[in-house]
Protein backbone atom coordinates (compact mmCIF):
# COMPACT_ATOMS: atom_id res chain seq x y z
CA MET A 1 0.00 0.00 0.00
CA PHE A 2 1.19 3.48 -0.89
CA ASP A 3 0.85 5.98 1.96
CA ASP A 4 1.59 9.48 0.67
CA SER A 5 1.40 10.94 4.19
CA LEU A 6 4.78 9.32 4.91
CA LEU A 7 6.43 11.65 2.40
CA ASP A 8 5.92 14.60 4.73
CA ASP A 9 6.05 12.67 8.02
CA ALA A 10 9.04 13.85 10.06
CA ALA A 11 9.44 10.55 11.90
CA ALA A 12 9.31 8.46 8.71
CA LEU A 13 11.80 10.75 6.96
CA ALA A 14 14.13 10.54 9.97
CA ARG A 15 14.04 6.74 9.77
CA ALA A 16 14.91 6.95 6.09
CA ASP A 17 17.82 9.32 6.67
CA ARG A 18 20.43 6.59 6.08
CA PHE A 19 19.02 6.15 2.56
CA LEU A 20 18.39 9.82 1.76
CA ARG A 21 21.63 11.27 3.08
CA PRO A 22 23.85 9.60 0.43
CA LEU A 23 21.65 11.19 -2.25
CA ALA A 24 22.15 14.61 -0.67
CA GLU A 25 25.92 14.10 -0.59
CA ALA A 26 26.28 13.34 -4.31
CA GLY A 27 27.68 16.81 -5.14
CA PRO A 28 30.38 16.73 -2.44
CA ARG A 29 31.44 13.28 -3.64
CA VAL A 30 32.06 14.65 -7.14
CA ARG A 31 34.22 17.43 -5.67
CA GLN A 32 36.06 14.93 -3.47
CA GLU A 33 36.90 12.62 -6.35
CA ALA A 34 37.95 15.53 -8.58
CA ALA A 35 40.28 16.86 -5.88
CA GLN A 36 41.62 13.37 -5.16
CA SER A 37 42.45 12.78 -8.82
CA THR A 38 44.38 16.04 -9.36
CA GLU A 39 47.82 14.68 -8.42
CA ALA A 40 47.23 11.42 -10.26
CA CYS A 41 46.02 13.40 -13.26
CA ASP A 42 49.27 15.38 -13.43
CA ALA A 43 51.30 12.17 -13.29
CA ALA A 44 49.09 10.49 -15.90
CA VAL A 45 49.38 13.42 -18.29
CA ALA A 46 53.17 13.40 -17.93
CA ALA A 47 53.28 9.64 -18.58
CA ALA A 48 50.97 9.90 -21.60
CA ALA A 49 53.07 12.67 -23.16
CA GLY A 50 55.85 10.22 -23.94
CA GLN A 51 53.55 7.57 -25.41
CA GLY A 52 51.73 9.63 -28.02
CA ARG A 53 48.08 9.54 -28.95
CA PRO A 54 46.55 6.04 -28.78
CA ARG A 55 45.16 4.30 -31.84
CA ALA A 56 41.82 3.77 -30.07
CA VAL A 57 40.22 4.18 -26.65
CA ILE A 58 38.45 1.18 -25.11
CA ALA A 59 36.19 1.75 -22.11
CA ALA A 60 35.81 -1.59 -20.35
CA GLY A 61 33.34 -2.53 -17.65
CA PRO A 62 29.69 -1.90 -16.73
CA ASP A 63 29.86 1.92 -16.87
CA SER A 64 31.55 2.04 -20.25
CA ARG A 65 28.35 3.25 -21.92
CA LEU A 66 28.35 6.44 -19.86
CA LEU A 67 31.88 7.22 -21.03
CA ARG A 68 30.85 6.47 -24.61
CA ALA A 69 27.84 8.81 -24.41
CA VAL A 70 30.13 11.67 -23.36
CA LEU A 71 33.26 10.90 -25.37
CA GLU A 72 32.10 9.43 -28.66
CA PRO A 73 31.14 12.77 -30.29
CA TRP A 74 34.40 14.39 -29.16
CA CYS A 75 37.15 11.77 -29.01
CA PRO A 76 39.74 12.33 -31.81
CA VAL A 77 40.40 8.57 -32.11
CA PRO A 78 38.00 5.62 -32.45
CA PHE A 79 36.15 4.91 -29.20
CA VAL A 80 34.75 1.52 -28.17
CA ALA A 81 32.56 0.69 -25.17
CA TRP A 82 33.18 -2.89 -24.02
CA PRO A 83 30.78 -3.73 -21.15
CA SER A 84 31.54 -7.46 -21.30
CA ALA A 85 34.38 -9.19 -19.48
CA GLY A 86 37.83 -9.09 -21.06
CA LEU A 87 38.91 -6.90 -23.97
CA PRO A 88 38.37 -6.92 -27.76
CA GLY A 89 40.67 -9.35 -29.54
CA TRP A 90 42.40 -6.54 -31.45
CA ALA A 91 43.33 -4.46 -28.39
CA GLY A 92 47.08 -4.08 -28.00
CA GLY A 93 50.00 -1.82 -27.23
CA LEU A 94 48.73 1.03 -29.42
CA ASP A 95 45.44 1.34 -27.52
CA LEU A 96 44.26 2.95 -24.28
CA VAL A 97 42.01 0.93 -21.98
CA VAL A 98 39.90 2.87 -19.45
CA VAL A 99 38.35 1.01 -16.51
CA LEU A 100 36.11 2.39 -13.76
CA ALA A 101 36.18 0.19 -10.67
CA PRO A 102 35.29 2.37 -7.66
CA GLU A 103 34.55 -0.66 -5.50
CA GLY A 104 37.98 -2.11 -6.26
CA ASN A 105 36.93 -5.75 -5.74
CA ASP A 106 35.27 -6.42 -9.10
CA ARG A 107 36.83 -9.62 -10.43
CA GLU A 108 35.75 -8.94 -14.02
CA ALA A 109 37.38 -5.51 -13.89
CA ALA A 110 40.49 -7.06 -12.38
CA SER A 111 40.56 -9.62 -15.19
CA SER A 112 40.19 -6.89 -17.83
CA VAL A 113 43.04 -4.77 -16.49
CA ALA A 114 45.27 -7.83 -16.08
CA GLU A 115 44.62 -8.71 -19.72
CA GLY A 116 45.42 -5.13 -20.71
CA VAL A 117 48.74 -5.29 -18.84
CA ARG A 118 49.57 -8.62 -20.50
CA ARG A 119 48.90 -7.19 -23.97
CA GLY A 120 50.96 -4.05 -23.31
CA CYS A 121 48.02 -1.63 -23.53
CA GLN A 122 48.06 1.82 -22.00
CA LEU A 123 45.77 1.68 -18.98
CA LEU A 124 43.83 4.36 -17.12
CA VAL A 125 42.23 2.70 -14.10
CA ALA A 126 40.08 4.37 -11.44
CA CYS A 127 40.00 2.26 -8.28
CA PRO A 128 40.91 2.39 -4.57
CA GLU A 129 44.59 2.10 -3.79
CA GLY A 130 45.63 -1.36 -2.60
CA SER A 131 42.47 -2.96 -4.00
CA LEU A 132 42.19 -6.15 -6.06
CA VAL A 133 41.86 -4.14 -9.28
CA ALA A 134 44.85 -1.93 -8.40
CA ASP A 135 46.99 -5.01 -7.77
CA HIS A 136 46.10 -6.47 -11.17
CA ALA A 137 46.62 -3.13 -12.92
CA ALA A 138 50.24 -2.67 -11.85
CA GLY A 139 52.38 -2.25 -14.94
CA ARG A 140 54.73 0.00 -16.85
CA TYR A 141 52.02 1.71 -18.89
CA THR A 142 49.37 1.97 -16.18
CA SER A 143 48.05 5.21 -14.67
CA ILE A 144 45.85 4.76 -11.59
CA VAL A 145 43.33 7.37 -10.47
CA PRO A 146 42.80 6.59 -6.76
CA THR A 147 39.14 6.67 -5.71
CA VAL A 148 37.68 7.21 -2.25
CA THR A 149 33.88 7.41 -2.56
CA ARG A 150 32.74 4.30 -4.48
CA ASP A 151 30.38 6.60 -6.40
CA GLN A 152 30.25 5.61 -10.07
CA LEU A 153 29.21 9.05 -11.31
CA ALA A 154 31.80 10.92 -9.23
CA VAL A 155 34.53 8.55 -10.42
CA ALA A 156 33.41 8.86 -14.05
CA VAL A 157 33.56 12.66 -13.83
CA ALA A 158 37.10 12.49 -12.41
CA VAL A 159 38.24 10.14 -15.20
CA LEU A 160 36.62 12.31 -17.87
CA ASP A 161 38.60 15.24 -16.46
CA VAL A 162 41.81 13.22 -16.87
CA LEU A 163 40.91 12.28 -20.44
CA HIS A 164 40.26 15.92 -21.25
CA ARG A 165 43.75 16.82 -20.09
CA TRP A 166 45.09 14.01 -22.27
CA GLY A 167 43.40 15.63 -25.26
CA LEU A 168 41.02 12.69 -25.68
CA GLY A 169 37.80 14.22 -24.42
CA PRO A 170 35.89 17.48 -23.93
CA LEU A 171 35.97 19.82 -20.97
CA THR A 172 33.56 18.37 -18.39
CA GLU A 173 33.92 20.77 -15.43
CA PRO A 174 33.44 18.63 -12.28
CA GLU A 175 32.34 21.69 -10.28
CA ARG A 176 29.47 22.27 -12.69
CA VAL A 177 28.29 18.67 -12.26
CA ALA A 178 28.58 19.00 -8.47
CA ASP A 179 26.54 22.22 -8.55
CA ALA A 180 23.79 20.47 -10.55
CA LEU A 181 23.66 17.67 -7.97
CA ASP A 182 23.52 20.21 -5.14
CA ALA A 183 20.60 21.98 -6.83
CA VAL A 184 18.67 18.70 -7.08
CA ALA A 185 19.43 17.88 -3.44
CA ILE A 186 17.98 21.25 -2.39
CA ALA A 187 14.87 20.90 -4.57
CA CYS A 188 14.21 17.30 -3.47
CA ALA A 189 15.18 17.68 0.21
CA PRO A 190 13.05 15.76 2.73
CA HIS A 191 11.81 18.92 4.47
CA ARG A 192 10.26 20.26 1.25
CA ASP A 193 6.65 19.14 1.10
CA ILE A 194 4.95 17.37 -1.78
CA SER A 195 3.61 20.54 -3.39
CA VAL A 196 7.10 21.91 -4.12
CA ASN A 197 9.22 18.76 -4.22
CA PRO A 198 9.71 17.33 -7.75
CA ALA A 199 10.90 13.91 -6.53
CA LYS A 200 7.93 13.46 -4.19
CA GLU A 201 5.62 14.49 -7.05
CA ILE A 202 7.15 11.79 -9.26
CA ALA A 203 6.69 9.24 -6.48
CA LEU A 204 2.99 10.16 -6.33
CA ASN A 205 2.68 9.73 -10.11
CA LEU A 206 4.29 6.28 -9.93
CA ALA A 207 2.45 5.13 -6.79
CA ASP A 208 0.22 2.53 -8.44
CA ALA A 209 1.85 2.27 -11.83
CA LEU A 210 4.36 0.33 -13.88
CA PRO A 211 7.11 2.92 -14.52
CA LEU A 212 8.24 3.34 -18.12
CA VAL A 213 11.32 5.56 -18.32
CA TRP A 214 12.54 7.25 -21.51
CA GLY A 215 15.42 9.53 -22.43
CA GLY A 216 16.01 10.65 -25.99
CA SER A 217 19.70 11.58 -26.24
CA PRO A 218 22.44 9.02 -25.50
CA LEU A 219 23.08 10.55 -22.06
CA ALA A 220 19.39 10.84 -21.20
CA ALA A 221 18.86 7.23 -22.32
CA HIS A 222 21.68 6.14 -20.02
CA ALA A 223 20.07 8.11 -17.17
CA ALA A 224 16.75 6.37 -17.94
CA ARG A 225 18.35 2.95 -17.56
CA ARG A 226 19.94 3.97 -14.25
CA VAL A 227 16.70 5.47 -12.91
CA SER A 228 14.76 2.37 -13.91
CA GLU A 229 17.38 0.25 -12.16
CA ALA A 230 17.03 2.39 -9.02
CA LEU A 231 13.24 2.01 -9.09
CA ARG A 232 13.53 -1.77 -9.31
CA THR A 233 16.21 -1.99 -6.64
CA VAL A 234 14.63 0.11 -3.90
CA THR A 235 10.98 -0.82 -4.48
CA GLY A 236 11.17 -4.41 -5.68
CA ARG A 237 8.71 -3.46 -8.43
CA PRO A 238 9.04 -3.85 -12.21
CA SER A 239 10.29 -0.89 -14.20
CA LEU A 240 11.23 -0.64 -17.87
CA ALA A 241 13.59 1.75 -19.63
CA GLY A 242 13.88 1.70 -23.38
CA ASP A 243 13.63 3.50 -26.69
CA VAL A 244 10.36 4.40 -28.36
CA ASP A 245 10.28 1.07 -30.21
CA HIS A 246 10.37 -0.75 -26.87
CA LEU A 247 7.90 1.43 -24.97
CA VAL A 248 5.16 2.05 -27.55
CA PRO A 249 4.04 -1.63 -27.63
CA VAL A 250 3.75 -1.59 -23.83
CA LEU A 251 1.66 1.58 -23.99
CA GLU A 252 -0.57 0.17 -26.72
CA ALA A 253 -1.20 -2.97 -24.67
CA ALA A 254 -1.84 -1.06 -21.44
CA PRO A 255 -5.18 -1.72 -19.72
CA ARG A 256 -7.46 1.29 -19.78
CA ARG A 257 -8.28 2.94 -16.47
CA ASP A 258 -11.76 2.28 -15.16
CA LEU A 259 -13.17 5.59 -13.96
CA PHE A 260 -15.79 3.75 -11.93
CA ALA A 261 -13.41 1.29 -10.22
CA ASP A 262 -13.43 1.21 -6.41
CA PRO A 263 -10.18 2.96 -5.32
CA PHE A 264 -10.27 1.04 -2.02
CA ASP A 265 -10.57 -2.39 -3.63
CA ASP A 266 -7.37 -4.21 -2.64
CA THR A 267 -8.48 -7.73 -3.52
CA GLY A 268 -5.86 -7.94 -6.25
CA GLY A 269 -6.21 -9.18 -9.79
CA HIS A 270 -5.70 -5.76 -11.36
CA ASP A 271 -3.04 -5.32 -14.04
CA PRO A 272 -0.69 -2.42 -13.28
CA VAL A 273 -1.26 0.60 -15.51
CA PRO A 274 1.92 2.13 -16.99
CA ALA A 275 3.06 5.66 -16.19
CA LEU A 276 5.57 7.34 -18.48
CA LEU A 277 8.54 9.17 -16.97
CA MET A 278 10.32 11.27 -19.61
CA LEU A 279 13.84 12.52 -18.92
CA ASP A 280 14.39 15.74 -20.86
CA ASP A 281 17.96 16.98 -21.06
CA GLY A 282 17.12 19.76 -23.48
CA SER A 283 18.34 17.95 -26.60
CA THR A 284 17.52 19.90 -29.78
CA ASP A 285 18.24 16.97 -32.09
CA ALA A 286 15.42 16.62 -34.64
CA ALA A 287 15.34 12.83 -34.33
CA VAL A 288 14.99 13.06 -30.55
CA ARG A 289 12.11 15.54 -30.88
CA THR A 290 10.37 13.26 -33.39
CA ARG A 291 10.67 10.21 -31.12
CA ARG A 292 9.47 12.27 -28.16
CA SER A 293 6.35 13.38 -30.06
CA GLU A 294 5.63 9.80 -31.13
CA LEU A 295 5.90 8.56 -27.55
CA LEU A 296 3.69 11.34 -26.19
CA ALA A 297 1.05 10.64 -28.84
CA SER A 298 1.07 6.95 -27.95
CA ALA A 299 0.72 7.75 -24.23
CA GLU A 300 -2.19 10.10 -24.95
CA ARG A 301 -4.01 7.45 -27.00
CA ALA A 302 -3.52 4.95 -24.17
CA GLY A 303 -4.63 7.40 -21.49
CA VAL A 304 -1.32 6.97 -19.67
CA ARG A 305 -0.05 9.54 -17.19
CA VAL A 306 3.12 11.38 -18.33
CA HIS A 307 5.60 13.13 -16.08
CA THR A 308 8.56 15.04 -17.52
CA VAL A 309 11.79 15.61 -15.59
CA ASP A 310 13.72 18.68 -16.70
CA GLY A 311 17.50 18.40 -16.55
CA GLY A 312 17.84 22.14 -15.96
CA GLY A 313 20.27 24.48 -17.65
CA ASP A 314 19.72 27.28 -20.14
CA PRO A 315 17.78 25.98 -23.17
CA ASP A 316 18.90 28.97 -25.25
CA SER A 317 22.64 28.41 -24.74
CA ALA A 318 24.67 26.19 -27.05
CA PRO A 319 25.12 22.69 -25.59
CA THR A 320 28.56 21.69 -24.39
CA ALA A 321 29.87 18.45 -22.97
CA ALA A 322 29.98 20.09 -19.52
CA SER A 323 26.35 21.25 -19.69
CA GLU A 324 25.18 17.90 -21.06
CA LEU A 325 26.96 15.98 -18.30
CA ALA A 326 25.51 18.33 -15.66
CA ARG A 327 22.01 17.78 -17.04
CA TYR A 328 22.59 14.02 -17.06
CA ALA A 329 23.62 14.20 -13.40
CA ALA A 330 20.49 16.24 -12.56
CA LEU A 331 18.18 13.77 -14.32
CA LEU A 332 19.82 10.79 -12.65
CA ALA A 333 19.74 12.38 -9.20
CA THR A 334 16.09 13.43 -9.49
CA GLY A 335 15.13 9.91 -10.52
CA ARG A 336 17.03 8.39 -7.61
CA TRP A 337 15.37 10.77 -5.14
CA ALA A 338 11.99 9.81 -6.59
CA ALA A 339 12.81 6.11 -6.24
CA ALA A 340 13.75 6.68 -2.60
CA TYR A 341 10.49 8.46 -1.83
CA LEU A 342 8.53 5.77 -3.65
CA ALA A 343 10.19 3.13 -1.47
CA LEU A 344 9.47 5.15 1.68
CA ALA A 345 5.78 5.67 0.92
CA SER A 346 5.41 2.01 -0.08
CA GLY A 347 6.54 0.90 3.35
CA ARG A 348 9.85 -0.59 2.23
CA TRP A 349 11.84 1.29 4.89
CA THR A 350 9.66 0.95 7.96
């Protein structure tokens, strides 16, 4: 049962503090990782200067798609995201392998970096010092960015900053990303009531629904997958993220709402009705706008509720990698706050 009174209940919010506080500290974690990586960045840039530009950049591991979404339009050499274990068969001494392993104990990441060392690849590895991954990454051509927070986004921002200084990526401005996360934390703070809290409003919209999450640009689509994952993890309920081709069939098959149904009937047997959560990062791409219109039209025909999350920023200014990454961070953080409030009001944290 969903109890929306818990969203503004001081005692319930205090009990959930251990889950909400890490969300509020996302901005400081980005600053901490960026500051931590400064010395390692200087050393890595000096080491890379003598090796020349790599033939290709390979991002290995589960967060490789985030790096691809940021780097692919800007990287001056071919870029490959390799989320599976190991490395592509062609990877060798002319290539740079980038691995994000903030936990440090990921055996697949350790295997990938060990394979990179064996093949003589350049390696840029973000992991805790003295960890399993760091031990396997030790080698002549390895640069390690020491991590301290275990936050995937904060670590990715720090690594993107290093790659920018290597001349392999755009300016990403960690402080700008941290500011975006701080702004979301203020807007979605527990003490802000439902009427002015965007995350609590999303939780209300998803209270009795099957969440469908969509983002049009590559970064917004990645945020959609992460938000959907957060919804599944903290609520134990199904959630689907996908492109228009994946979501439209679900909308078309959605059961229509019965206006005369008893809202207090909890005998079960009712199919969940989808609700569409659209993550808008301000993309002006014509293809994205077309897909967005198609999805909205399908939702309207199906009578499905639609809630749009705005990534913030100035829609009139020219997009940059820094602004796009900041908007991605804002979308992701808002979705995670909403998932937390949905779990709280559903009684998952009593």
